Amino acid sequence: MEAISYKTVSASKETVNKGWVIIDAENEVLGRLASEVAFILRGKNKTNFTPHVDTGDNVIVINAEKVKLTGKKLTDKEYVRHTGYPGGQRFATPKEVLAKNPSDVIRKAVSGMLPKNKLGDALRRNVYIYAGAEHPHTAQQPKEIKINSIK
């Protein structure tokens, strides 16, 4: 008697098909946007997802300056960093960060949702965030994705 056998196929660096995706951040809530970007970067939207391999697509985020934060997060939330010197703790609100470099707000949110290891470092290199609507990746022919249609 022959039984049907199913094999679990584990993706490898050579077998992964990486594509390019573009997401418009205009009027999107920061946390929801970041979780969807991290989901795509990780490759969890693909059937061949493998936890220890970079199976995700390259993600381009445009209009980062037009992202929304709900409630009082724009003024009350604080990003903390340290200069490395004694007494060098520095604080910044999202309003200050958006004024200086709008892409950093999205980059910090997405980075916090990725693994904190070598795989996470590789995934962070696959996201490209731009403040305006223009980007230099037209040659890659990215697919446009609406945030609400991913899942």
C-alpha atoms as a PDB file:
ATOM      1  CA  MET A   1       0.000   0.000   0.000  1.00  0.00           C
ATOM      2  CA  GLU A   2       1.404   3.357  -1.019  1.00  0.00           C
ATOM      3  CA  ALA A   3       0.742   6.297   1.199  1.00  0.00           C
ATOM      4  CA  ILE A   4       0.806   9.888   0.061  1.00  0.00           C
ATOM      5  CA  SER A   5       3.809  11.555   1.566  1.00  0.00           C
ATOM      6  CA  TYR A   6       4.130  15.268   1.943  1.00  0.00           C
ATOM      7  CA  LYS A   7       7.483  16.887   2.426  1.00  0.00           C
ATOM      8  CA  THR A   8       8.026  20.177   4.130  1.00  0.00           C
ATOM      9  CA  VAL A   9      10.083  22.288   1.769  1.00  0.00           C
ATOM     10  CA  SER A  10      12.447  24.668   3.479  1.00  0.00           C
ATOM     11  CA  ALA A  11      13.448  27.735   1.474  1.00  0.00           C
ATOM     12  CA  SER A  12      17.105  28.610   1.031  1.00  0.00           C
ATOM     13  CA  LYS A  13      18.907  31.708  -0.142  1.00  0.00           C
ATOM     14  CA  GLU A  14      19.152  30.270  -3.657  1.00  0.00           C
ATOM     15  CA  THR A  15      15.481  29.255  -3.999  1.00  0.00           C
ATOM     16  CA  VAL A  16      13.885  32.476  -2.719  1.00  0.00           C
ATOM     17  CA  ASN A  17      12.147  34.746  -5.260  1.00  0.00           C
ATOM     18  CA  LYS A  18      12.497  38.284  -3.963  1.00  0.00           C
ATOM     19  CA  GLY A  19      10.337  40.960  -5.528  1.00  0.00           C
ATOM     20  CA  TRP A  20       9.876  44.699  -5.079  1.00  0.00           C
ATOM     21  CA  VAL A  21       6.842  46.267  -3.419  1.00  0.00           C
ATOM     22  CA  ILE A  22       5.881  49.935  -3.069  1.00  0.00           C
ATOM     23  CA  ILE A  23       3.650  51.218  -0.262  1.00  0.00           C
ATOM     24  CA  ASP A  24       2.227  54.734   0.008  1.00  0.00           C
ATOM     25  CA  ALA A  25       2.290  55.926   3.642  1.00  0.00           C
ATOM     26  CA  GLU A  26       0.034  58.930   3.048  1.00  0.00           C
ATOM     27  CA  ASN A  27      -2.679  59.111   5.749  1.00  0.00           C
ATOM     28  CA  GLU A  28      -1.696  55.682   7.143  1.00  0.00           C
ATOM     29  CA  VAL A  29      -1.427  55.072  10.892  1.00  0.00           C
ATOM     30  CA  LEU A  30       2.230  54.517  11.815  1.00  0.00           C
ATOM     31  CA  GLY A  31       1.903  51.287  13.797  1.00  0.00           C
ATOM     32  CA  ARG A  32      -0.407  49.583  11.317  1.00  0.00           C
ATOM     33  CA  LEU A  33       1.832  50.597   8.429  1.00  0.00           C
ATOM     34  CA  ALA A  34       4.971  49.398  10.221  1.00  0.00           C
ATOM     35  CA  SER A  35       3.468  46.015  11.088  1.00  0.00           C
ATOM     36  CA  GLU A  36       2.463  45.403   7.456  1.00  0.00           C
ATOM     37  CA  VAL A  37       5.904  46.476   6.189  1.00  0.00           C
ATOM     38  CA  ALA A  38       7.592  44.147   8.712  1.00  0.00           C
ATOM     39  CA  PHE A  39       5.198  41.347   7.654  1.00  0.00           C
ATOM     40  CA  ILE A  40       6.254  41.728   4.003  1.00  0.00           C
ATOM     41  CA  LEU A  41       9.962  42.171   4.823  1.00  0.00           C
ATOM     42  CA  ARG A  42       9.925  38.961   6.849  1.00  0.00           C
ATOM     43  CA  GLY A  43       8.190  37.069   4.019  1.00  0.00           C
ATOM     44  CA  LYS A  44       5.246  35.884   6.091  1.00  0.00           C
ATOM     45  CA  ASN A  45       2.879  36.666   3.221  1.00  0.00           C
ATOM     46  CA  LYS A  46       4.520  33.967   1.068  1.00  0.00           C
ATOM     47  CA  THR A  47       3.805  30.260   1.006  1.00  0.00           C
ATOM     48  CA  ASN A  48       7.487  29.322   1.289  1.00  0.00           C
ATOM     49  CA  PHE A  49       8.094  31.277   4.523  1.00  0.00           C
ATOM     50  CA  THR A  50      11.046  29.879   6.441  1.00  0.00           C
ATOM     51  CA  PRO A  51      11.845  31.472   9.829  1.00  0.00           C
ATOM     52  CA  HIS A  52      15.636  31.455   9.480  1.00  0.00           C
ATOM     53  CA  VAL A  53      15.857  32.671   5.853  1.00  0.00           C
ATOM     54  CA  ASP A  54      15.268  36.099   4.302  1.00  0.00           C
ATOM     55  CA  THR A  55      12.247  35.190   2.144  1.00  0.00           C
ATOM     56  CA  GLY A  56      10.656  38.654   2.111  1.00  0.00           C
ATOM     57  CA  ASP A  57      10.413  41.253  -0.609  1.00  0.00           C
ATOM     58  CA  ASN A  58      12.229  44.575  -0.857  1.00  0.00           C
ATOM     59  CA  VAL A  59       9.850  47.300   0.340  1.00  0.00           C
ATOM     60  CA  ILE A  60       9.771  50.931  -0.815  1.00  0.00           C
ATOM     61  CA  VAL A  61       7.777  53.307   1.403  1.00  0.00           C
ATOM     62  CA  ILE A  62       6.932  56.709  -0.082  1.00  0.00           C
ATOM     63  CA  ASN A  63       5.334  59.820   1.478  1.00  0.00           C
ATOM     64  CA  ALA A  64       6.822  59.103   4.913  1.00  0.00           C
ATOM     65  CA  GLU A  65       6.246  62.718   5.946  1.00  0.00           C
ATOM     66  CA  LYS A  66       2.469  62.252   5.647  1.00  0.00           C
ATOM     67  CA  VAL A  67       2.159  59.350   8.126  1.00  0.00           C
ATOM     68  CA  LYS A  68      -0.333  59.777  10.997  1.00  0.00           C
ATOM     69  CA  LEU A  69       0.026  59.087  14.692  1.00  0.00           C
ATOM     70  CA  THR A  70      -3.150  58.597  16.717  1.00  0.00           C
ATOM     71  CA  GLY A  71      -3.971  60.227  20.040  1.00  0.00           C
ATOM     72  CA  LYS A  72      -1.317  62.441  21.620  1.00  0.00           C
ATOM     73  CA  LYS A  73       1.605  60.323  20.412  1.00  0.00           C
ATOM     74  CA  LEU A  74       2.911  63.120  18.194  1.00  0.00           C
ATOM     75  CA  THR A  75       3.819  65.202  21.257  1.00  0.00           C
ATOM     76  CA  ASP A  76       3.827  62.759  24.205  1.00  0.00           C
ATOM     77  CA  LYS A  77       5.756  59.758  22.815  1.00  0.00           C
ATOM     78  CA  GLU A  78       9.544  59.887  23.336  1.00  0.00           C
ATOM     79  CA  TYR A  79      12.413  58.293  21.447  1.00  0.00           C
ATOM     80  CA  VAL A  80      15.390  57.754  23.739  1.00  0.00           C
ATOM     81  CA  ARG A  81      19.002  57.491  22.594  1.00  0.00           C
ATOM     82  CA  HIS A  82      22.368  57.762  24.294  1.00  0.00           C
ATOM     83  CA  THR A  83      25.441  59.543  22.950  1.00  0.00           C
ATOM     84  CA  GLY A  84      27.831  57.234  24.787  1.00  0.00           C
ATOM     85  CA  TYR A  85      29.123  59.955  27.087  1.00  0.00           C
ATOM     86  CA  PRO A  86      28.210  60.375  30.769  1.00  0.00           C
ATOM     87  CA  GLY A  87      24.886  62.197  31.026  1.00  0.00           C
ATOM     88  CA  GLY A  88      24.390  61.744  27.292  1.00  0.00           C
ATOM     89  CA  GLN A  89      20.789  60.565  27.305  1.00  0.00           C
ATOM     90  CA  ARG A  90      18.799  62.441  24.654  1.00  0.00           C
ATOM     91  CA  PHE A  91      15.043  62.520  24.089  1.00  0.00           C
ATOM     92  CA  ALA A  92      13.048  63.421  20.979  1.00  0.00           C
ATOM     93  CA  THR A  93       9.337  63.458  20.195  1.00  0.00           C
ATOM     94  CA  PRO A  94       7.952  62.150  16.880  1.00  0.00           C
ATOM     95  CA  LYS A  95       7.061  65.740  15.954  1.00  0.00           C
ATOM     96  CA  GLU A  96      10.752  66.740  16.202  1.00  0.00           C
ATOM     97  CA  VAL A  97      11.927  63.636  14.337  1.00  0.00           C
ATOM     98  CA  LEU A  98       9.348  64.131  11.559  1.00  0.00           C
ATOM     99  CA  ALA A  99      10.526  67.720  11.107  1.00  0.00           C
ATOM    100  CA  LYS A 100      14.197  66.706  10.914  1.00  0.00           C
ATOM    101  CA  ASN A 101      14.056  63.363   9.055  1.00  0.00           C
ATOM    102  CA  PRO A 102      10.575  61.923   8.357  1.00  0.00           C
ATOM    103  CA  SER A 103      11.847  58.501   7.298  1.00  0.00           C
ATOM    104  CA  ASP A 104      13.344  57.834  10.750  1.00  0.00           C
ATOM    105  CA  VAL A 105       9.925  57.541  12.415  1.00  0.00           C
ATOM    106  CA  ILE A 106       8.877  54.710  10.092  1.00  0.00           C
ATOM    107  CA  ARG A 107      12.359  53.140  10.190  1.00  0.00           C
ATOM    108  CA  LYS A 108      12.302  52.969  14.012  1.00  0.00           C
ATOM    109  CA  ALA A 109       8.774  51.503  14.057  1.00  0.00           C
ATOM    110  CA  VAL A 110       9.573  48.820  11.460  1.00  0.00           C
ATOM    111  CA  SER A 111      12.929  48.027  13.051  1.00  0.00           C
ATOM    112  CA  GLY A 112      11.264  47.369  16.395  1.00  0.00           C
ATOM    113  CA  MET A 113       9.059  44.714  14.761  1.00  0.00           C
ATOM    114  CA  LEU A 114      11.921  42.747  13.208  1.00  0.00           C
ATOM    115  CA  PRO A 115      14.200  40.174  14.886  1.00  0.00           C
ATOM    116  CA  LYS A 116      17.176  41.517  16.820  1.00  0.00           C
ATOM    117  CA  ASN A 117      19.846  39.320  15.201  1.00  0.00           C
ATOM    118  CA  LYS A 118      21.781  38.926  11.927  1.00  0.00           C
ATOM    119  CA  LEU A 119      18.612  38.066  10.034  1.00  0.00           C
ATOM    120  CA  GLY A 120      16.969  41.238  11.337  1.00  0.00           C
ATOM    121  CA  ASP A 121      19.982  43.274  10.200  1.00  0.00           C
ATOM    122  CA  ALA A 122      19.658  41.784   6.704  1.00  0.00           C
ATOM    123  CA  LEU A 123      15.910  42.520   6.641  1.00  0.00           C
ATOM    124  CA  ARG A 124      16.479  46.148   7.676  1.00  0.00           C
ATOM    125  CA  ARG A 125      18.625  46.602   4.556  1.00  0.00           C
ATOM    126  CA  ASN A 126      15.626  45.612   2.380  1.00  0.00           C
ATOM    127  CA  VAL A 127      13.451  48.605   3.285  1.00  0.00           C
ATOM    128  CA  TYR A 128      13.774  51.939   1.459  1.00  0.00           C
ATOM    129  CA  ILE A 129      11.911  54.901   2.951  1.00  0.00           C
ATOM    130  CA  TYR A 130      11.456  58.245   1.197  1.00  0.00           C
ATOM    131  CA  ALA A 131       9.850  61.442   2.531  1.00  0.00           C
ATOM    132  CA  GLY A 132       8.298  62.435  -0.801  1.00  0.00           C
ATOM    133  CA  ALA A 133       6.518  60.643  -3.632  1.00  0.00           C
ATOM    134  CA  GLU A 134       9.624  60.195  -5.815  1.00  0.00           C
ATOM    135  CA  HIS A 135      11.962  57.212  -5.520  1.00  0.00           C
ATOM    136  CA  PRO A 136      14.932  55.988  -7.619  1.00  0.00           C
ATOM    137  CA  HIS A 137      13.707  52.359  -7.899  1.00  0.00           C
ATOM    138  CA  THR A 138      11.555  52.544 -11.038  1.00  0.00           C
ATOM    139  CA  ALA A 139      13.908  50.131 -12.852  1.00  0.00           C
ATOM    140  CA  GLN A 140      12.932  47.369 -10.387  1.00  0.00           C
ATOM    141  CA  GLN A 141       9.263  47.723 -11.457  1.00  0.00           C
ATOM    142  CA  PRO A 142       7.774  47.536  -7.945  1.00  0.00           C
ATOM    143  CA  LYS A 143       4.216  46.302  -7.403  1.00  0.00           C
ATOM    144  CA  GLU A 144       2.001  48.809  -5.610  1.00  0.00           C
ATOM    145  CA  ILE A 145       0.245  47.399  -2.552  1.00  0.00           C
ATOM    146  CA  LYS A 146      -2.618  48.921  -0.615  1.00  0.00           C
ATOM    147  CA  ILE A 147      -2.153  48.349   3.119  1.00  0.00           C
ATOM    148  CA  ASN A 148      -5.717  47.158   3.708  1.00  0.00           C
ATOM    149  CA  SER A 149      -5.530  44.470   0.993  1.00  0.00           C
ATOM    150  CA  ILE A 150      -2.489  42.554   2.270  1.00  0.00           C
ATOM    151  CA  LYS A 151      -4.157  40.019   4.559  1.00  0.00           C
END
